[in-house]
N, C-alpha and C. Protein backbone atom coordinates (compact mmCIF):
# COMPACT_ATOMS: atom_id res chain seq x y z
N UNK A 1 97.02 44.63 215.54
CA UNK A 1 96.62 45.17 216.64
C UNK A 1 97.41 46.08 217.28
N UNK A 2 97.12 46.70 216.71
CA UNK A 2 98.13 48.04 217.76
C UNK A 2 99.06 47.98 217.49
N UNK A 3 99.58 47.36 216.23
CA UNK A 3 101.32 46.67 215.89
C UNK A 3 102.35 45.60 216.90
N UNK A 4 101.23 44.97 217.94
CA UNK A 4 101.38 43.86 218.66
C UNK A 4 100.99 43.08 218.19
N UNK A 5 102.53 41.64 218.02
CA UNK A 5 102.46 41.03 217.51
C UNK A 5 101.96 39.64 218.69
N UNK A 6 101.33 38.37 218.15
CA UNK A 6 101.15 37.42 218.88
C UNK A 6 101.97 37.28 220.63
N UNK A 7 103.57 36.79 219.84
CA UNK A 7 104.27 36.88 220.79
C UNK A 7 104.53 37.72 222.20
N UNK A 8 104.29 39.52 221.55
CA UNK A 8 103.85 40.21 222.75
C UNK A 8 102.53 40.01 223.37
N UNK A 9 101.77 39.94 223.48
CA UNK A 9 100.74 39.64 223.32
C UNK A 9 100.80 38.69 224.17
N UNK A 10 101.19 37.24 224.59
CA UNK A 10 101.07 36.50 225.46
C UNK A 10 102.05 37.24 226.44
N UNK A 11 103.38 37.56 226.23
CA UNK A 11 103.83 37.85 227.43
C UNK A 11 102.92 38.66 228.11
N UNK A 12 102.62 39.99 227.81
CA UNK A 12 101.86 40.62 228.37
C UNK A 12 100.82 39.73 229.07
N UNK A 13 99.97 38.48 228.39
CA UNK A 13 99.42 38.03 229.42
C UNK A 13 99.84 37.42 230.80
N UNK A 14 101.46 36.31 230.29
CA UNK A 14 101.89 36.14 231.06
C UNK A 14 101.94 36.66 232.37
N UNK A 15 102.25 38.48 231.99
CA UNK A 15 102.90 39.42 233.66
C UNK A 15 101.88 39.36 234.18
N UNK A 16 100.95 39.90 233.03
CA UNK A 16 99.60 39.91 233.97
C UNK A 16 98.61 38.82 234.86
N UNK A 17 99.49 37.91 234.76
CA UNK A 17 98.93 36.49 235.74
C UNK A 17 99.65 36.56 236.87
N UNK A 18 101.25 36.99 236.02
CA UNK A 18 102.06 36.57 237.37
C UNK A 18 101.78 38.19 238.65
N UNK A 19 101.74 38.92 237.97
CA UNK A 19 100.71 39.82 238.96
C UNK A 19 99.64 39.78 240.06
N UNK A 20 98.94 39.57 238.83
CA UNK A 20 97.12 39.17 239.76
C UNK A 20 96.95 38.07 240.39
N UNK A 21 97.95 36.83 239.22
CA UNK A 21 97.07 35.78 239.42
C UNK A 21 95.93 35.18 239.74
N UNK A 22 95.94 33.74 240.10
CA UNK A 22 94.33 33.07 239.27
C UNK A 22 93.32 33.71 239.69
N UNK A 23 93.18 34.27 241.05
CA UNK A 23 92.06 34.68 241.74
C UNK A 23 91.27 35.53 241.11
N UNK A 24 92.23 36.29 240.95
CA UNK A 24 91.97 37.58 240.38
C UNK A 24 92.02 38.61 239.29
N UNK A 25 91.71 37.60 238.64
CA UNK A 25 91.77 37.70 236.60
C UNK A 25 90.59 38.08 236.22
N UNK A 26 89.39 36.79 236.41
CA UNK A 26 88.07 37.02 236.34
C UNK A 26 87.12 38.32 236.31
N UNK A 27 87.80 38.43 237.60
CA UNK A 27 87.28 39.96 237.89
C UNK A 27 87.65 41.05 236.86
N UNK A 28 89.10 40.75 237.34
CA UNK A 28 90.21 41.76 236.22
C UNK A 28 89.42 42.48 234.57
N UNK A 29 88.79 40.84 234.47
CA UNK A 29 88.26 40.50 232.78
C UNK A 29 86.91 41.64 232.85
N UNK A 30 86.44 41.31 234.33
CA UNK A 30 84.84 41.46 233.79
C UNK A 30 84.93 42.64 233.85
N UNK A 31 86.18 44.09 234.63
CA UNK A 31 85.85 45.43 234.70
C UNK A 31 86.65 45.51 233.36
N UNK A 32 87.66 45.28 232.64
CA UNK A 32 87.58 45.55 231.55
C UNK A 32 85.97 45.46 230.10
N UNK A 33 86.15 44.35 230.75
CA UNK A 33 85.07 44.23 229.23
C UNK A 33 84.28 45.10 229.27
N UNK A 34 83.67 45.79 231.15
CA UNK A 34 82.41 46.50 231.08
C UNK A 34 82.52 48.24 230.77
N UNK A 35 84.50 48.53 230.90
CA UNK A 35 84.80 49.15 230.77
C UNK A 35 84.81 49.21 228.97
N UNK A 36 85.20 48.39 228.41
CA UNK A 36 84.88 48.32 226.61
C UNK A 36 83.21 48.65 226.09
N UNK A 37 82.20 48.34 227.35
CA UNK A 37 81.09 48.00 226.63
C UNK A 37 80.80 49.51 227.36
N UNK A 38 81.43 50.51 228.18
CA UNK A 38 80.89 51.61 228.35
C UNK A 38 81.30 53.03 227.02
N UNK A 39 82.46 52.36 226.82
CA UNK A 39 83.74 53.02 225.97
C UNK A 39 82.85 52.65 224.56
N UNK A 40 82.06 51.45 224.36
CA UNK A 40 81.10 51.88 222.72
C UNK A 40 80.46 52.57 222.98
N UNK A 41 79.76 52.19 223.63
CA UNK A 41 77.94 52.48 224.46
C UNK A 41 78.29 54.66 223.84
N UNK A 42 79.68 54.93 224.62
CA UNK A 42 79.81 56.28 224.70
C UNK A 42 79.86 56.73 223.47
N UNK A 43 80.77 55.88 222.37
CA UNK A 43 80.97 56.72 221.50
C UNK A 43 79.78 56.37 220.11
N UNK A 44 79.09 55.35 220.52
CA UNK A 44 77.40 54.84 219.79
C UNK A 44 76.42 56.45 219.63
N UNK A 45 76.74 57.13 220.95
CA UNK A 45 75.56 58.15 221.72
C UNK A 45 76.41 59.16 220.80
N UNK A 46 77.86 59.49 220.86
CA UNK A 46 78.17 60.71 219.78
C UNK A 46 77.61 60.08 218.48
N UNK A 47 77.93 58.75 217.44
CA UNK A 47 78.00 59.28 216.20
C UNK A 47 76.52 59.36 216.49
N UNK A 48 75.20 58.98 217.25
CA UNK A 48 74.06 59.34 217.21
C UNK A 48 73.28 60.34 216.69
N UNK A 49 74.13 60.92 218.08
CA UNK A 49 73.66 62.62 218.11
C UNK A 49 74.41 63.18 216.60
N UNK A 50 75.94 62.72 216.44
CA UNK A 50 76.83 63.98 215.41
C UNK A 50 75.61 63.64 214.13
N UNK A 51 74.54 62.33 213.87
CA UNK A 51 74.07 61.92 212.63
C UNK A 51 73.11 63.12 212.77
N UNK A 52 72.20 62.81 213.85
CA UNK A 52 71.10 63.36 214.10
C UNK A 52 71.07 65.08 213.92
N UNK A 53 72.05 65.50 214.47
CA UNK A 53 72.74 67.01 213.91
C UNK A 53 73.02 67.50 212.28
N UNK A 54 73.64 66.25 211.50
CA UNK A 54 74.16 66.89 210.40
C UNK A 54 72.58 66.48 209.17
N UNK A 55 71.99 65.64 209.84
CA UNK A 55 70.22 65.33 209.15
C UNK A 55 69.06 66.68 209.39
N UNK A 56 69.41 67.11 210.52
CA UNK A 56 68.65 68.45 210.90
C UNK A 56 69.20 70.19 209.38
N UNK A 57 70.77 69.63 209.85
CA UNK A 57 71.22 70.36 209.04
C UNK A 57 71.00 70.73 207.65
N UNK A 58 71.04 69.14 206.98
CA UNK A 58 70.63 68.98 205.54
C UNK A 58 69.11 69.40 205.75
N UNK A 59 68.48 69.22 206.01
CA UNK A 59 66.62 69.43 206.30
C UNK A 59 66.80 71.16 206.35
N UNK A 60 67.44 71.80 206.62
CA UNK A 60 67.97 73.30 206.60
C UNK A 60 68.16 74.24 205.69
N UNK A 61 69.09 73.31 205.19
CA UNK A 61 69.28 73.75 203.73
C UNK A 61 68.25 73.32 202.62
N UNK A 62 68.70 71.67 202.50
CA UNK A 62 68.04 71.60 201.42
C UNK A 62 65.75 72.05 201.44
N UNK A 63 65.13 72.00 202.85
CA UNK A 63 63.85 71.95 202.82
C UNK A 63 63.71 70.65 203.12
N UNK A 64 62.27 70.86 203.84
CA UNK A 64 61.98 69.30 204.21
C UNK A 64 61.50 68.65 203.23
N UNK A 65 62.21 67.52 202.76
CA UNK A 65 61.49 66.34 202.32
C UNK A 65 62.40 66.72 200.75
N UNK A 66 63.41 67.27 200.48
CA UNK A 66 63.85 67.61 199.15
C UNK A 66 65.26 66.88 199.03
N UNK A 67 65.42 66.48 198.48
CA UNK A 67 67.13 65.42 198.08
C UNK A 67 67.89 66.50 196.45
N UNK A 68 68.75 66.17 197.04
CA UNK A 68 69.75 66.92 196.42
C UNK A 68 69.89 66.83 194.78
N UNK A 69 69.88 67.27 194.06
CA UNK A 69 69.10 67.15 192.30
C UNK A 69 70.31 67.71 191.92
N UNK A 70 71.18 66.17 191.08
CA UNK A 70 72.75 67.03 190.42
C UNK A 70 72.39 67.85 189.30
N UNK A 71 71.17 67.29 188.35
CA UNK A 71 71.21 67.67 187.04
C UNK A 71 70.69 69.12 186.97
N UNK A 72 70.44 69.86 188.37
CA UNK A 72 69.73 71.15 188.75
C UNK A 72 71.05 72.40 188.52
N UNK A 73 71.99 71.20 189.45
CA UNK A 73 73.59 72.09 189.40
C UNK A 73 74.18 72.14 187.90
N UNK A 74 74.03 71.21 187.18
CA UNK A 74 75.23 71.05 186.27
C UNK A 74 73.79 71.53 184.57
N UNK A 75 74.38 72.34 184.45
CA UNK A 75 73.49 72.79 183.37
C UNK A 75 74.17 71.31 181.95
N UNK A 76 72.74 71.54 181.00
CA UNK A 76 72.82 70.41 180.26
C UNK A 76 73.71 71.27 178.98
N UNK A 77 74.14 70.89 177.93
CA UNK A 77 75.18 71.07 177.26
C UNK A 77 73.54 71.60 175.81
N UNK A 78 73.59 72.52 174.61
CA UNK A 78 72.31 72.71 173.79
C UNK A 78 73.53 72.54 172.78
N UNK A 79 72.44 71.69 172.43
CA UNK A 79 73.09 70.93 170.54
C UNK A 79 73.21 72.10 169.38
N UNK A 80 73.83 72.04 168.83
CA UNK A 80 73.78 72.95 167.93
C UNK A 80 74.08 72.05 166.38
N UNK A 81 74.34 73.02 165.42
CA UNK A 81 74.03 72.63 163.98
C UNK A 81 75.66 72.13 163.99
N UNK A 82 76.86 72.69 164.45
CA UNK A 82 77.80 72.09 164.80
C UNK A 82 78.74 70.66 165.85
N UNK A 83 77.84 70.09 166.46
CA UNK A 83 77.97 68.71 167.36
C UNK A 83 77.97 67.71 166.45
N UNK A 84 78.26 67.41 165.32
CA UNK A 84 77.84 66.38 164.23
C UNK A 84 76.68 65.68 163.80
N UNK A 85 75.37 66.28 164.20
CA UNK A 85 74.56 65.20 164.11
C UNK A 85 73.97 66.09 163.15
N UNK A 86 72.45 65.87 162.47
CA UNK A 86 71.94 66.48 161.21
C UNK A 86 71.08 66.04 161.01
């Protein structure tokens, strides 16, 4: 996790405990949790907006309801007398 080992994580928690004390730790944890939830919600909103816009662009370029057909883009080889079939 970000290149931080277990020992470093324990040390960080001990320093936080010594600085803020046991009475303020629940408040600190709540505010950190709320911040993480807000960041996750914001990233989910951005993902949804980007996905929606890319879908609109796909619909405009392909036409409504069409799916890309790879067989149309790649012409098939015609079989002739020299292909080894008789």
